[in-house]
Amino acid sequence: MSSPMPLHFPKAQSEFEIPHLANGNIFLGDVVGSIDSSDPAPISGGLFRMTKGEPFTATYKYHETLIVLEGSFDISDDQGKSVKASAGDLYWIPKGATVTIGTEDSGLAFYTAQRSKRQ
């Protein structure tokens, strides 16, 4: 049996076509990740883009990390804490947290999530 091969995705930040998720202004797509849902430590990673418009609120069923690549996001939790996450910032979302994400203009982030890749 051969060992798994590392993968390279040239220009993913600029050329990966991020699927539409919600509200006409929110796009999210896994680029890589565990496909076997029985993996004891699944992980996925992909791109999240948002343009000005409706914010997005979710209660996370898994841990997630965002690193902002372009623009900025206004991120708030249900405890009233809020931050403006700008290019270069890293944001951690623990499992069970309810988070609202918006943007004044636009933003692009790379995320890793402790879940299997969405098919």
PDB file of N, CA and C in Angstrom:
ATOM      1  N   MET A   1       0.843  -1.176   0.000  1.00  0.00           N
ATOM      2  CA  MET A   1       0.000   0.000   0.000  1.00  0.00           C
ATOM      3  C   MET A   1       0.890   1.242   0.000  1.00  0.00           C
ATOM      4  N   SER A   2       0.607   2.174  -0.877  1.00  0.00           N
ATOM      5  CA  SER A   2       1.419   3.386  -0.946  1.00  0.00           C
ATOM      6  C   SER A   2       0.914   4.423   0.055  1.00  0.00           C
ATOM      7  N   SER A   3       1.816   5.282   0.455  1.00  0.00           N
ATOM      8  CA  SER A   3       1.437   6.326   1.414  1.00  0.00           C
ATOM      9  C   SER A   3       0.689   7.451   0.696  1.00  0.00           C
ATOM     10  N   PRO A   4      -0.143   8.190   1.425  1.00  0.00           N
ATOM     11  CA  PRO A   4      -0.891   9.302   0.813  1.00  0.00           C
ATOM     12  C   PRO A   4       0.065  10.365   0.274  1.00  0.00           C
ATOM     13  N   MET A   5      -0.338  11.007  -0.778  1.00  0.00           N
ATOM     14  CA  MET A   5       0.480  12.049  -1.402  1.00  0.00           C
ATOM     15  C   MET A   5       0.006  13.425  -0.949  1.00  0.00           C
ATOM     16  N   PRO A   6       0.946  14.316  -0.602  1.00  0.00           N
ATOM     17  CA  PRO A   6       0.566  15.696  -0.322  1.00  0.00           C
ATOM     18  C   PRO A   6      -0.013  16.331  -1.584  1.00  0.00           C
ATOM     19  N   LEU A   7      -0.885  17.307  -1.420  1.00  0.00           N
ATOM     20  CA  LEU A   7      -1.518  17.979  -2.556  1.00  0.00           C
ATOM     21  C   LEU A   7      -1.099  19.438  -2.603  1.00  0.00           C
ATOM     22  N   HIS A   8      -1.019  19.975  -3.799  1.00  0.00           N
ATOM     23  CA  HIS A   8      -0.654  21.380  -4.010  1.00  0.00           C
ATOM     24  C   HIS A   8      -1.778  22.036  -4.803  1.00  0.00           C
ATOM     25  N   PHE A   9      -2.225  23.214  -4.362  1.00  0.00           N
ATOM     26  CA  PHE A   9      -3.297  23.937  -5.025  1.00  0.00           C
ATOM     27  C   PHE A   9      -2.787  25.328  -5.408  1.00  0.00           C
ATOM     28  N   PRO A  10      -2.120  25.440  -6.564  1.00  0.00           N
ATOM     29  CA  PRO A  10      -1.573  26.736  -6.966  1.00  0.00           C
ATOM     30  C   PRO A  10      -2.668  27.798  -7.090  1.00  0.00           C
ATOM     31  N   LYS A  11      -2.372  28.982  -6.618  1.00  0.00           N
ATOM     32  CA  LYS A  11      -3.247  30.151  -6.744  1.00  0.00           C
ATOM     33  C   LYS A  11      -4.654  29.920  -6.191  1.00  0.00           C
ATOM     34  N   ALA A  12      -4.780  29.076  -5.189  1.00  0.00           N
ATOM     35  CA  ALA A  12      -6.106  28.779  -4.622  1.00  0.00           C
ATOM     36  C   ALA A  12      -6.794  30.046  -4.139  1.00  0.00           C
ATOM     37  N   GLN A  13      -6.041  30.959  -3.542  1.00  0.00           N
ATOM     38  CA  GLN A  13      -6.636  32.187  -3.004  1.00  0.00           C
ATOM     39  C   GLN A  13      -7.315  33.015  -4.086  1.00  0.00           C
ATOM     40  N   SER A  14      -6.788  32.998  -5.290  1.00  0.00           N
ATOM     41  CA  SER A  14      -7.360  33.821  -6.356  1.00  0.00           C
ATOM     42  C   SER A  14      -8.169  33.037  -7.382  1.00  0.00           C
ATOM     43  N   GLU A  15      -7.940  31.724  -7.487  1.00  0.00           N
ATOM     44  CA  GLU A  15      -8.581  30.987  -8.576  1.00  0.00           C
ATOM     45  C   GLU A  15      -9.582  29.917  -8.159  1.00  0.00           C
ATOM     46  N   PHE A  16      -9.636  29.536  -6.872  1.00  0.00           N
ATOM     47  CA  PHE A  16     -10.610  28.536  -6.441  1.00  0.00           C
ATOM     48  C   PHE A  16     -12.003  29.157  -6.518  1.00  0.00           C
ATOM     49  N   GLU A  17     -12.915  28.490  -7.198  1.00  0.00           N
ATOM     50  CA  GLU A  17     -14.289  28.989  -7.323  1.00  0.00           C
ATOM     51  C   GLU A  17     -15.066  28.589  -6.072  1.00  0.00           C
ATOM     52  N   ILE A  18     -15.327  29.571  -5.218  1.00  0.00           N
ATOM     53  CA  ILE A  18     -15.972  29.314  -3.932  1.00  0.00           C
ATOM     54  C   ILE A  18     -17.483  29.233  -4.148  1.00  0.00           C
ATOM     55  N   PRO A  19     -18.102  28.111  -3.788  1.00  0.00           N
ATOM     56  CA  PRO A  19     -19.556  27.964  -3.977  1.00  0.00           C
ATOM     57  C   PRO A  19     -20.368  28.938  -3.114  1.00  0.00           C
ATOM     58  N   HIS A  20     -21.513  29.346  -3.649  1.00  0.00           N
ATOM     59  CA  HIS A  20     -22.439  30.211  -2.915  1.00  0.00           C
ATOM     60  C   HIS A  20     -22.999  29.436  -1.726  1.00  0.00           C
ATOM     61  N   LEU A  21     -23.082  30.094  -0.552  1.00  0.00           N
ATOM     62  CA  LEU A  21     -23.633  29.452   0.640  1.00  0.00           C
ATOM     63  C   LEU A  21     -24.984  30.039   1.029  1.00  0.00           C
ATOM     64  N   ALA A  22     -25.078  31.385   1.135  1.00  0.00           N
ATOM     65  CA  ALA A  22     -26.325  31.976   1.628  1.00  0.00           C
ATOM     66  C   ALA A  22     -26.402  33.467   1.318  1.00  0.00           C
ATOM     67  N   ASN A  23     -27.623  33.994   1.347  1.00  0.00           N
ATOM     68  CA  ASN A  23     -27.926  35.423   1.286  1.00  0.00           C
ATOM     69  C   ASN A  23     -27.403  36.175   0.056  1.00  0.00           C
ATOM     70  N   GLY A  24     -26.861  35.503  -0.921  1.00  0.00           N
ATOM     71  CA  GLY A  24     -26.339  36.187  -2.101  1.00  0.00           C
ATOM     72  C   GLY A  24     -24.982  36.827  -1.901  1.00  0.00           C
ATOM     73  N   ASN A  25     -24.475  36.886  -0.654  1.00  0.00           N
ATOM     74  CA  ASN A  25     -23.196  37.537  -0.396  1.00  0.00           C
ATOM     75  C   ASN A  25     -22.215  36.670   0.393  1.00  0.00           C
ATOM     76  N   ILE A  26     -22.569  35.394   0.602  1.00  0.00           N
ATOM     77  CA  ILE A  26     -21.735  34.513   1.415  1.00  0.00           C
ATOM     78  C   ILE A  26     -21.364  33.281   0.600  1.00  0.00           C
ATOM     79  N   PHE A  27     -20.039  33.002   0.546  1.00  0.00           N
ATOM     80  CA  PHE A  27     -19.509  31.903  -0.248  1.00  0.00           C
ATOM     81  C   PHE A  27     -18.554  31.092   0.625  1.00  0.00           C
ATOM     82  N   LEU A  28     -18.655  29.757   0.561  1.00  0.00           N
ATOM     83  CA  LEU A  28     -17.818  28.889   1.374  1.00  0.00           C
ATOM     84  C   LEU A  28     -17.591  27.590   0.624  1.00  0.00           C
ATOM     85  N   GLY A  29     -16.340  27.131   0.615  1.00  0.00           N
ATOM     86  CA  GLY A  29     -16.060  25.876  -0.053  1.00  0.00           C
ATOM     87  C   GLY A  29     -14.834  25.191   0.497  1.00  0.00           C
ATOM     88  N   ASP A  30     -14.988  23.910   0.855  1.00  0.00           N
ATOM     89  CA  ASP A  30     -13.844  23.115   1.285  1.00  0.00           C
ATOM     90  C   ASP A  30     -12.924  22.891   0.090  1.00  0.00           C
ATOM     91  N   VAL A  31     -11.640  23.102   0.301  1.00  0.00           N
ATOM     92  CA  VAL A  31     -10.637  22.820  -0.720  1.00  0.00           C
ATOM     93  C   VAL A  31     -10.030  21.444  -0.459  1.00  0.00           C
ATOM     94  N   VAL A  32      -9.751  21.154   0.810  1.00  0.00           N
ATOM     95  CA  VAL A  32      -9.122  19.892   1.201  1.00  0.00           C
ATOM     96  C   VAL A  32      -9.789  19.353   2.462  1.00  0.00           C
ATOM     97  N   GLY A  33      -9.534  18.080   2.748  1.00  0.00           N
ATOM     98  CA  GLY A  33     -10.012  17.554   4.015  1.00  0.00           C
ATOM     99  C   GLY A  33     -10.188  16.061   4.034  1.00  0.00           C
ATOM    100  N   SER A  34     -10.459  15.573   5.237  1.00  0.00           N
ATOM    101  CA  SER A  34     -10.733  14.159   5.457  1.00  0.00           C
ATOM    102  C   SER A  34     -12.042  13.811   4.760  1.00  0.00           C
ATOM    103  N   ILE A  35     -12.050  12.737   4.037  1.00  0.00           N
ATOM    104  CA  ILE A  35     -13.268  12.303   3.364  1.00  0.00           C
ATOM    105  C   ILE A  35     -13.965  11.214   4.166  1.00  0.00           C
ATOM    106  N   ASP A  36     -13.187  10.408   4.892  1.00  0.00           N
ATOM    107  CA  ASP A  36     -13.725   9.312   5.690  1.00  0.00           C
ATOM    108  C   ASP A  36     -14.307   9.875   6.985  1.00  0.00           C
ATOM    109  N   SER A  37     -15.632   9.865   7.126  1.00  0.00           N
ATOM    110  CA  SER A  37     -16.289  10.426   8.309  1.00  0.00           C
ATOM    111  C   SER A  37     -15.995   9.627   9.577  1.00  0.00           C
ATOM    112  N   SER A  38     -15.411   8.427   9.441  1.00  0.00           N
ATOM    113  CA  SER A  38     -15.060   7.655  10.622  1.00  0.00           C
ATOM    114  C   SER A  38     -13.664   8.007  11.139  1.00  0.00           C
ATOM    115  N   ASP A  39     -12.967   8.901  10.462  1.00  0.00           N
ATOM    116  CA  ASP A  39     -11.652   9.352  10.912  1.00  0.00           C
ATOM    117  C   ASP A  39     -11.802   9.901  12.329  1.00  0.00           C
ATOM    118  N   PRO A  40     -10.987   9.451  13.293  1.00  0.00           N
ATOM    119  CA  PRO A  40     -11.145   9.921  14.673  1.00  0.00           C
ATOM    120  C   PRO A  40     -10.796  11.401  14.868  1.00  0.00           C
ATOM    121  N   ALA A  41     -10.073  11.982  13.930  1.00  0.00           N
ATOM    122  CA  ALA A  41      -9.709  13.402  14.028  1.00  0.00           C
ATOM    123  C   ALA A  41      -9.867  14.054  12.649  1.00  0.00           C
ATOM    124  N   PRO A  42     -11.115  14.170  12.155  1.00  0.00           N
ATOM    125  CA  PRO A  42     -11.312  14.724  10.814  1.00  0.00           C
ATOM    126  C   PRO A  42     -10.906  16.197  10.767  1.00  0.00           C
ATOM    127  N   ILE A  43     -10.530  16.644   9.586  1.00  0.00           N
ATOM    128  CA  ILE A  43     -10.177  18.049   9.398  1.00  0.00           C
ATOM    129  C   ILE A  43     -10.508  18.439   7.963  1.00  0.00           C
ATOM    130  N   SER A  44     -10.917  19.680   7.795  1.00  0.00           N
ATOM    131  CA  SER A  44     -11.129  20.209   6.453  1.00  0.00           C
ATOM    132  C   SER A  44     -10.627  21.644   6.436  1.00  0.00           C
ATOM    133  N   GLY A  45     -10.359  22.116   5.254  1.00  0.00           N
ATOM    134  CA  GLY A  45      -9.899  23.488   5.091  1.00  0.00           C
ATOM    135  C   GLY A  45     -10.419  24.043   3.789  1.00  0.00           C
ATOM    136  N   GLY A  46     -10.720  25.321   3.789  1.00  0.00           N
ATOM    137  CA  GLY A  46     -11.243  25.913   2.568  1.00  0.00           C
ATOM    138  C   GLY A  46     -11.279  27.421   2.653  1.00  0.00           C
ATOM    139  N   LEU A  47     -12.037  27.995   1.742  1.00  0.00           N
ATOM    140  CA  LEU A  47     -12.106  29.446   1.622  1.00  0.00           C
ATOM    141  C   LEU A  47     -13.511  29.953   1.920  1.00  0.00           C
ATOM    142  N   PHE A  48     -13.562  31.096   2.607  1.00  0.00           N
ATOM    143  CA  PHE A  48     -14.802  31.758   2.981  1.00  0.00           C
ATOM    144  C   PHE A  48     -14.719  33.194   2.477  1.00  0.00           C
ATOM    145  N   ARG A  49     -15.663  33.579   1.638  1.00  0.00           N
ATOM    146  CA  ARG A  49     -15.712  34.947   1.122  1.00  0.00           C
ATOM    147  C   ARG A  49     -17.068  35.546   1.461  1.00  0.00           C
ATOM    148  N   MET A  50     -17.038  36.827   1.832  1.00  0.00           N
ATOM    149  CA  MET A  50     -18.269  37.541   2.127  1.00  0.00           C
ATOM    150  C   MET A  50     -18.149  38.952   1.566  1.00  0.00           C
ATOM    151  N   THR A  51     -19.251  39.428   0.994  1.00  0.00           N
ATOM    152  CA  THR A  51     -19.329  40.808   0.553  1.00  0.00           C
ATOM    153  C   THR A  51     -20.379  41.528   1.396  1.00  0.00           C
ATOM    154  N   LYS A  52     -20.409  42.833   1.302  1.00  0.00           N
ATOM    155  CA  LYS A  52     -21.344  43.632   2.078  1.00  0.00           C
ATOM    156  C   LYS A  52     -22.770  43.123   1.847  1.00  0.00           C
ATOM    157  N   GLY A  53     -23.538  43.030   2.927  1.00  0.00           N
ATOM    158  CA  GLY A  53     -24.913  42.532   2.843  1.00  0.00           C
ATOM    159  C   GLY A  53     -25.306  41.918   4.164  1.00  0.00           C
ATOM    160  N   GLU A  54     -26.175  40.930   4.096  1.00  0.00           N
ATOM    161  CA  GLU A  54     -26.672  40.260   5.301  1.00  0.00           C
ATOM    162  C   GLU A  54     -25.533  39.559   6.044  1.00  0.00           C
ATOM    163  N   PRO A  55     -25.460  39.734   7.369  1.00  0.00           N
ATOM    164  CA  PRO A  55     -24.486  38.962   8.142  1.00  0.00           C
ATOM    165  C   PRO A  55     -24.917  37.499   8.221  1.00  0.00           C
ATOM    166  N   PHE A  56     -24.005  36.675   8.679  1.00  0.00           N
ATOM    167  CA  PHE A  56     -24.213  35.236   8.778  1.00  0.00           C
ATOM    168  C   PHE A  56     -24.087  34.840  10.248  1.00  0.00           C
ATOM    169  N   THR A  57     -25.089  34.155  10.788  1.00  0.00           N
ATOM    170  CA  THR A  57     -25.050  33.687  12.177  1.00  0.00           C
ATOM    171  C   THR A  57     -25.137  32.171  12.188  1.00  0.00           C
ATOM    172  N   ALA A  58     -24.263  31.552  12.973  1.00  0.00           N
ATOM    173  CA  ALA A  58     -24.270  30.092  13.087  1.00  0.00           C
ATOM    174  C   ALA A  58     -23.821  29.678  14.478  1.00  0.00           C
ATOM    175  N   THR A  59     -24.365  28.551  14.941  1.00  0.00           N
ATOM    176  CA  THR A  59     -23.861  27.895  16.142  1.00  0.00           C
ATOM    177  C   THR A  59     -23.014  26.733  15.643  1.00  0.00           C
ATOM    178  N   TYR A  60     -21.730  26.785  15.966  1.00  0.00           N
ATOM    179  CA  TYR A  60     -20.765  25.845  15.399  1.00  0.00           C
ATOM    180  C   TYR A  60     -20.849  24.475  16.055  1.00  0.00           C
ATOM    181  N   LYS A  61     -20.891  23.438  15.228  1.00  0.00           N
ATOM    182  CA  LYS A  61     -20.954  22.050  15.690  1.00  0.00           C
ATOM    183  C   LYS A  61     -19.558  21.428  15.728  1.00  0.00           C
ATOM    184  N   TYR A  62     -18.521  22.233  15.497  1.00  0.00           N
ATOM    185  CA  TYR A  62     -17.130  21.790  15.442  1.00  0.00           C
ATOM    186  C   TYR A  62     -16.245  23.005  15.717  1.00  0.00           C
ATOM    187  N   HIS A  63     -14.989  22.752  16.063  1.00  0.00           N
ATOM    188  CA  HIS A  63     -14.016  23.823  16.242  1.00  0.00           C
ATOM    189  C   HIS A  63     -13.591  24.335  14.867  1.00  0.00           C
ATOM    190  N   GLU A  64     -13.357  25.642  14.767  1.00  0.00           N
ATOM    191  CA  GLU A  64     -12.921  26.219  13.492  1.00  0.00           C
ATOM    192  C   GLU A  64     -11.949  27.361  13.747  1.00  0.00           C
ATOM    193  N   THR A  65     -10.990  27.502  12.858  1.00  0.00           N
ATOM    194  CA  THR A  65     -10.039  28.601  12.877  1.00  0.00           C
ATOM    195  C   THR A  65     -10.134  29.343  11.559  1.00  0.00           C
ATOM    196  N   LEU A  66     -10.185  30.677  11.622  1.00  0.00           N
ATOM    197  CA  LEU A  66     -10.172  31.516  10.416  1.00  0.00           C
ATOM    198  C   LEU A  66      -8.903  32.343  10.408  1.00  0.00           C
ATOM    199  N   ILE A  67      -8.245  32.448   9.266  1.00  0.00           N
ATOM    200  CA  ILE A  67      -7.180  33.427   9.096  1.00  0.00           C
ATOM    201  C   ILE A  67      -7.614  34.320   7.939  1.00  0.00           C
ATOM    202  N   VAL A  68      -7.717  35.598   8.210  1.00  0.00           N
ATOM    203  CA  VAL A  68      -8.199  36.553   7.212  1.00  0.00           C
ATOM    204  C   VAL A  68      -7.077  36.816   6.204  1.00  0.00           C
ATOM    205  N   LEU A  69      -7.394  36.602   4.935  1.00  0.00           N
ATOM    206  CA  LEU A  69      -6.428  36.798   3.857  1.00  0.00           C
ATOM    207  C   LEU A  69      -6.555  38.173   3.208  1.00  0.00           C
ATOM    208  N   GLU A  70      -7.784  38.639   3.050  1.00  0.00           N
ATOM    209  CA  GLU A  70      -8.064  39.920   2.391  1.00  0.00           C
ATOM    210  C   GLU A  70      -9.229  40.596   3.094  1.00  0.00           C
ATOM    211  N   GLY A  71      -9.248  41.927   3.076  1.00  0.00           N
ATOM    212  CA  GLY A  71     -10.378  42.675   3.621  1.00  0.00           C
ATOM    213  C   GLY A  71     -10.509  42.509   5.119  1.00  0.00           C
ATOM    214  N   SER A  72     -11.760  42.524   5.591  1.00  0.00           N
ATOM    215  CA  SER A  72     -11.999  42.390   7.029  1.00  0.00           C
ATOM    216  C   SER A  72     -13.397  41.830   7.290  1.00  0.00           C
ATOM    217  N   PHE A  73     -13.559  41.302   8.503  1.00  0.00           N
ATOM    218  CA  PHE A  73     -14.832  40.768   8.969  1.00  0.00           C
ATOM    219  C   PHE A  73     -15.153  41.379  10.325  1.00  0.00           C
ATOM    220  N   ASP A  74     -16.420  41.669  10.555  1.00  0.00           N
ATOM    221  CA  ASP A  74     -16.906  42.058  11.872  1.00  0.00           C
ATOM    222  C   ASP A  74     -17.487  40.794  12.483  1.00  0.00           C
ATOM    223  N   ILE A  75     -16.872  40.338  13.585  1.00  0.00           N
ATOM    224  CA  ILE A  75     -17.261  39.067  14.190  1.00  0.00           C
ATOM    225  C   ILE A  75     -17.723  39.324  15.617  1.00  0.00           C
ATOM    226  N   SER A  76     -18.916  38.817  15.949  1.00  0.00           N
ATOM    227  CA  SER A  76     -19.426  38.976  17.312  1.00  0.00           C
ATOM    228  C   SER A  76     -19.976  37.640  17.799  1.00  0.00           C
ATOM    229  N   ASP A  77     -19.979  37.487  19.130  1.00  0.00           N
ATOM    230  CA  ASP A  77     -20.538  36.264  19.701  1.00  0.00           C
ATOM    231  C   ASP A  77     -21.797  36.587  20.498  1.00  0.00           C
ATOM    232  N   ASP A  78     -22.449  35.561  20.994  1.00  0.00           N
ATOM    233  CA  ASP A  78     -23.703  35.761  21.720  1.00  0.00           C
ATOM    234  C   ASP A  78     -23.486  36.269  23.144  1.00  0.00           C
ATOM    235  N   GLN A  79     -22.229  36.493  23.531  1.00  0.00           N
ATOM    236  CA  GLN A  79     -21.894  37.072  24.830  1.00  0.00           C
ATOM    237  C   GLN A  79     -21.657  38.576  24.730  1.00  0.00           C
ATOM    238  N   GLY A  80     -21.776  39.118  23.504  1.00  0.00           N
ATOM    239  CA  GLY A  80     -21.607  40.551  23.296  1.00  0.00           C
ATOM    240  C   GLY A  80     -20.196  40.999  22.946  1.00  0.00           C
ATOM    241  N   LYS A  81     -19.261  40.065  22.825  1.00  0.00           N
ATOM    242  CA  LYS A  81     -17.900  40.421  22.420  1.00  0.00           C
ATOM    243  C   LYS A  81     -17.853  40.560  20.910  1.00  0.00           C
ATOM    244  N   SER A  82     -17.125  41.568  20.430  1.00  0.00           N
ATOM    245  CA  SER A  82     -16.997  41.733  18.977  1.00  0.00           C
ATOM    246  C   SER A  82     -15.596  42.215  18.633  1.00  0.00           C
ATOM    247  N   VAL A  83     -15.154  41.846  17.438  1.00  0.00           N
ATOM    248  CA  VAL A  83     -13.850  42.264  16.924  1.00  0.00           C
ATOM    249  C   VAL A  83     -13.981  42.577  15.439  1.00  0.00           C
ATOM    250  N   LYS A  84     -13.061  43.383  14.962  1.00  0.00           N
ATOM    251  CA  LYS A  84     -12.902  43.578  13.524  1.00  0.00           C
ATOM    252  C   LYS A  84     -11.640  42.789  13.168  1.00  0.00           C
ATOM    253  N   ALA A  85     -11.808  41.687  12.468  1.00  0.00           N
ATOM    254  CA  ALA A  85     -10.690  40.834  12.069  1.00  0.00           C
ATOM    255  C   ALA A  85     -10.238  41.262  10.675  1.00  0.00           C
ATOM    256  N   SER A  86      -8.978  41.686  10.566  1.00  0.00           N
ATOM    257  CA  SER A  86      -8.422  42.193   9.310  1.00  0.00           C
ATOM    258  C   SER A  86      -7.378  41.239   8.763  1.00  0.00           C
ATOM    259  N   ALA A  87      -6.947  41.488   7.529  1.00  0.00           N
ATOM    260  CA  ALA A  87      -5.952  40.638   6.867  1.00  0.00           C
ATOM    261  C   ALA A  87      -4.778  40.362   7.802  1.00  0.00           C
ATOM    262  N   GLY A  88      -4.465  39.079   7.959  1.00  0.00           N
ATOM    263  CA  GLY A  88      -3.387  38.646   8.825  1.00  0.00           C
ATOM    264  C   GLY A  88      -3.853  38.193  10.199  1.00  0.00           C
ATOM    265  N   ASP A  89      -5.093  38.527  10.573  1.00  0.00           N
ATOM    266  CA  ASP A  89      -5.624  38.135  11.885  1.00  0.00           C
ATOM    267  C   ASP A  89      -6.095  36.686  11.862  1.00  0.00           C
ATOM    268  N   LEU A  90      -5.970  36.032  13.002  1.00  0.00           N
ATOM    269  CA  LEU A  90      -6.447  34.672  13.189  1.00  0.00           C
ATOM    270  C   LEU A  90      -7.584  34.713  14.205  1.00  0.00           C
ATOM    271  N   TYR A  91      -8.655  33.977  13.953  1.00  0.00           N
ATOM    272  CA  TYR A  91      -9.816  33.963  14.834  1.00  0.00           C
ATOM    273  C   TYR A  91     -10.198  32.522  15.112  1.00  0.00           C
ATOM    274  N   TRP A  92     -10.365  32.162  16.379  1.00  0.00           N
ATOM    275  CA  TRP A  92     -10.719  30.808  16.814  1.00  0.00           C
ATOM    276  C   TRP A  92     -12.194  30.767  17.202  1.00  0.00           C
ATOM    277  N   ILE A  93     -12.928  29.788  16.680  1.00  0.00           N
ATOM    278  CA  ILE A  93     -14.334  29.595  17.029  1.00  0.00           C
ATOM    279  C   ILE A  93     -14.469  28.207  17.649  1.00  0.00           C
ATOM    280  N   PRO A  94     -14.724  28.127  18.965  1.00  0.00           N
ATOM    281  CA  PRO A  94     -14.860  26.810  19.595  1.00  0.00           C
ATOM    282  C   PRO A  94     -16.222  26.174  19.309  1.00  0.00           C
ATOM    283  N   LYS A  95     -16.232  24.878  19.335  1.00  0.00           N
ATOM    284  CA  LYS A  95     -17.469  24.111  19.170  1.00  0.00           C
ATOM    285  C   LYS A  95     -18.507  24.613  20.169  1.00  0.00           C
ATOM    286  N   GLY A  96     -19.739  24.834  19.702  1.00  0.00           N
ATOM    287  CA  GLY A  96     -20.825  25.294  20.553  1.00  0.00           C
ATOM    288  C   GLY A  96     -21.014  26.801  20.577  1.00  0.00           C
ATOM    289  N   ALA A  97     -20.045  27.553  20.060  1.00  0.00           N
ATOM    290  CA  ALA A  97     -20.157  29.013  20.056  1.00  0.00           C
ATOM    291  C   ALA A  97     -21.147  29.466  18.986  1.00  0.00           C
ATOM    292  N   THR A  98     -21.913  30.506  19.301  1.00  0.00           N
ATOM    293  CA  THR A  98     -22.780  31.142  18.319  1.00  0.00           C
ATOM    294  C   THR A  98     -22.101  32.440  17.900  1.00  0.00           C
ATOM    295  N   VAL A  99     -21.841  32.559  16.602  1.00  0.00           N
ATOM    296  CA  VAL A  99     -21.057  33.668  16.067  1.00  0.00           C
ATOM    297  C   VAL A  99     -21.811  34.312  14.911  1.00  0.00           C
ATOM    298  N   THR A 100     -21.747  35.641  14.848  1.00  0.00           N
ATOM    299  CA  THR A 100     -22.280  36.390  13.708  1.00  0.00           C
ATOM    300  C   THR A 100     -21.107  37.036  12.988  1.00  0.00           C
ATOM    301  N   ILE A 101     -21.055  36.834  11.670  1.00  0.00           N
ATOM    302  CA  ILE A 101     -19.978  37.384  10.851  1.00  0.00           C
ATOM    303  C   ILE A 101     -20.598  38.295   9.796  1.00  0.00           C
ATOM    304  N   GLY A 102     -20.051  39.481   9.677  1.00  0.00           N
ATOM    305  CA  GLY A 102     -20.464  40.438   8.660  1.00  0.00           C
ATOM    306  C   GLY A 102     -19.242  41.141   8.118  1.00  0.00           C
ATOM    307  N   THR A 103     -19.450  42.044   7.176  1.00  0.00           N
ATOM    308  CA  THR A 103     -18.348  42.840   6.646  1.00  0.00           C
ATOM    309  C   THR A 103     -18.894  44.173   6.150  1.00  0.00           C
ATOM    310  N   GLU A 104     -18.091  45.214   6.303  1.00  0.00           N
ATOM    311  CA  GLU A 104     -18.484  46.532   5.812  1.00  0.00           C
ATOM    312  C   GLU A 104     -18.294  46.637   4.302  1.00  0.00           C
ATOM    313  N   ASP A 105     -17.375  45.822   3.760  1.00  0.00           N
ATOM    314  CA  ASP A 105     -17.070  45.857   2.327  1.00  0.00           C
ATOM    315  C   ASP A 105     -16.957  44.434   1.780  1.00  0.00           C
ATOM    316  N   SER A 106     -15.868  43.753   2.125  1.00  0.00           N
ATOM    317  CA  SER A 106     -15.673  42.362   1.712  1.00  0.00           C
ATOM    318  C   SER A 106     -14.533  41.758   2.513  1.00  0.00           C
ATOM    319  N   GLY A 107     -14.486  40.434   2.517  1.00  0.00           N
ATOM    320  CA  GLY A 107     -13.408  39.731   3.185  1.00  0.00           C
ATOM    321  C   GLY A 107     -13.247  38.341   2.616  1.00  0.00           C
ATOM    322  N   LEU A 108     -12.024  37.834   2.718  1.00  0.00           N
ATOM    323  CA  LEU A 108     -11.700  36.473   2.294  1.00  0.00           C
ATOM    324  C   LEU A 108     -10.876  35.847   3.403  1.00  0.00           C
ATOM    325  N   ALA A 109     -11.248  34.636   3.820  1.00  0.00           N
ATOM    326  CA  ALA A 109     -10.518  33.931   4.873  1.00  0.00           C
ATOM    327  C   ALA A 109     -10.285  32.487   4.462  1.00  0.00           C
ATOM    328  N   PHE A 110      -9.211  31.910   4.992  1.00  0.00           N
ATOM    329  CA  PHE A 110      -8.983  30.479   4.905  1.00  0.00           C
ATOM    330  C   PHE A 110      -9.381  29.911   6.254  1.00  0.00           C
ATOM    331  N   TYR A 111     -10.107  28.796   6.256  1.00  0.00           N
ATOM    332  CA  TYR A 111     -10.530  28.185   7.505  1.00  0.00           C
ATOM    333  C   TYR A 111     -10.050  26.751   7.588  1.00  0.00           C
ATOM    334  N   THR A 112      -9.896  26.293   8.802  1.00  0.00           N
ATOM    335  CA  THR A 112      -9.752  24.863   9.082  1.00  0.00           C
ATOM    336  C   THR A 112     -10.863  24.514  10.056  1.00  0.00           C
ATOM    337  N   ALA A 113     -11.458  23.360   9.865  1.00  0.00           N
ATOM    338  CA  ALA A 113     -12.575  22.941  10.699  1.00  0.00           C
ATOM    339  C   ALA A 113     -12.370  21.496  11.121  1.00  0.00           C
ATOM    340  N   GLN A 114     -12.752  21.178  12.340  1.00  0.00           N
ATOM    341  CA  GLN A 114     -12.617  19.819  12.827  1.00  0.00           C
ATOM    342  C   GLN A 114     -13.841  19.011  12.426  1.00  0.00           C
ATOM    343  N   ARG A 115     -13.934  18.748  11.128  1.00  0.00           N
ATOM    344  CA  ARG A 115     -15.026  17.959  10.547  1.00  0.00           C
ATOM    345  C   ARG A 115     -14.538  17.381   9.235  1.00  0.00           C
ATOM    346  N   SER A 116     -15.251  16.396   8.718  1.00  0.00           N
ATOM    347  CA  SER A 116     -14.918  15.823   7.423  1.00  0.00           C
ATOM    348  C   SER A 116     -15.220  16.822   6.318  1.00  0.00           C
ATOM    349  N   LYS A 117     -14.578  16.642   5.193  1.00  0.00           N
ATOM    350  CA  LYS A 117     -14.793  17.500   4.038  1.00  0.00           C
ATOM    351  C   LYS A 117     -16.215  17.348   3.546  1.00  0.00           C
ATOM    352  N   ARG A 118     -16.831  18.484   3.203  1.00  0.00           N
ATOM    353  CA  ARG A 118     -18.182  18.455   2.619  1.00  0.00           C
ATOM    354  C   ARG A 118     -18.074  17.944   1.194  1.00  0.00           C
ATOM    355  N   GLN A 119     -18.913  17.001   0.873  1.00  0.00           N
ATOM    356  CA  GLN A 119     -18.890  16.418  -0.477  1.00  0.00           C
ATOM    357  C   GLN A 119     -19.803  17.154  -1.406  1.00  0.00           C
TER     358      GLN A 119
END
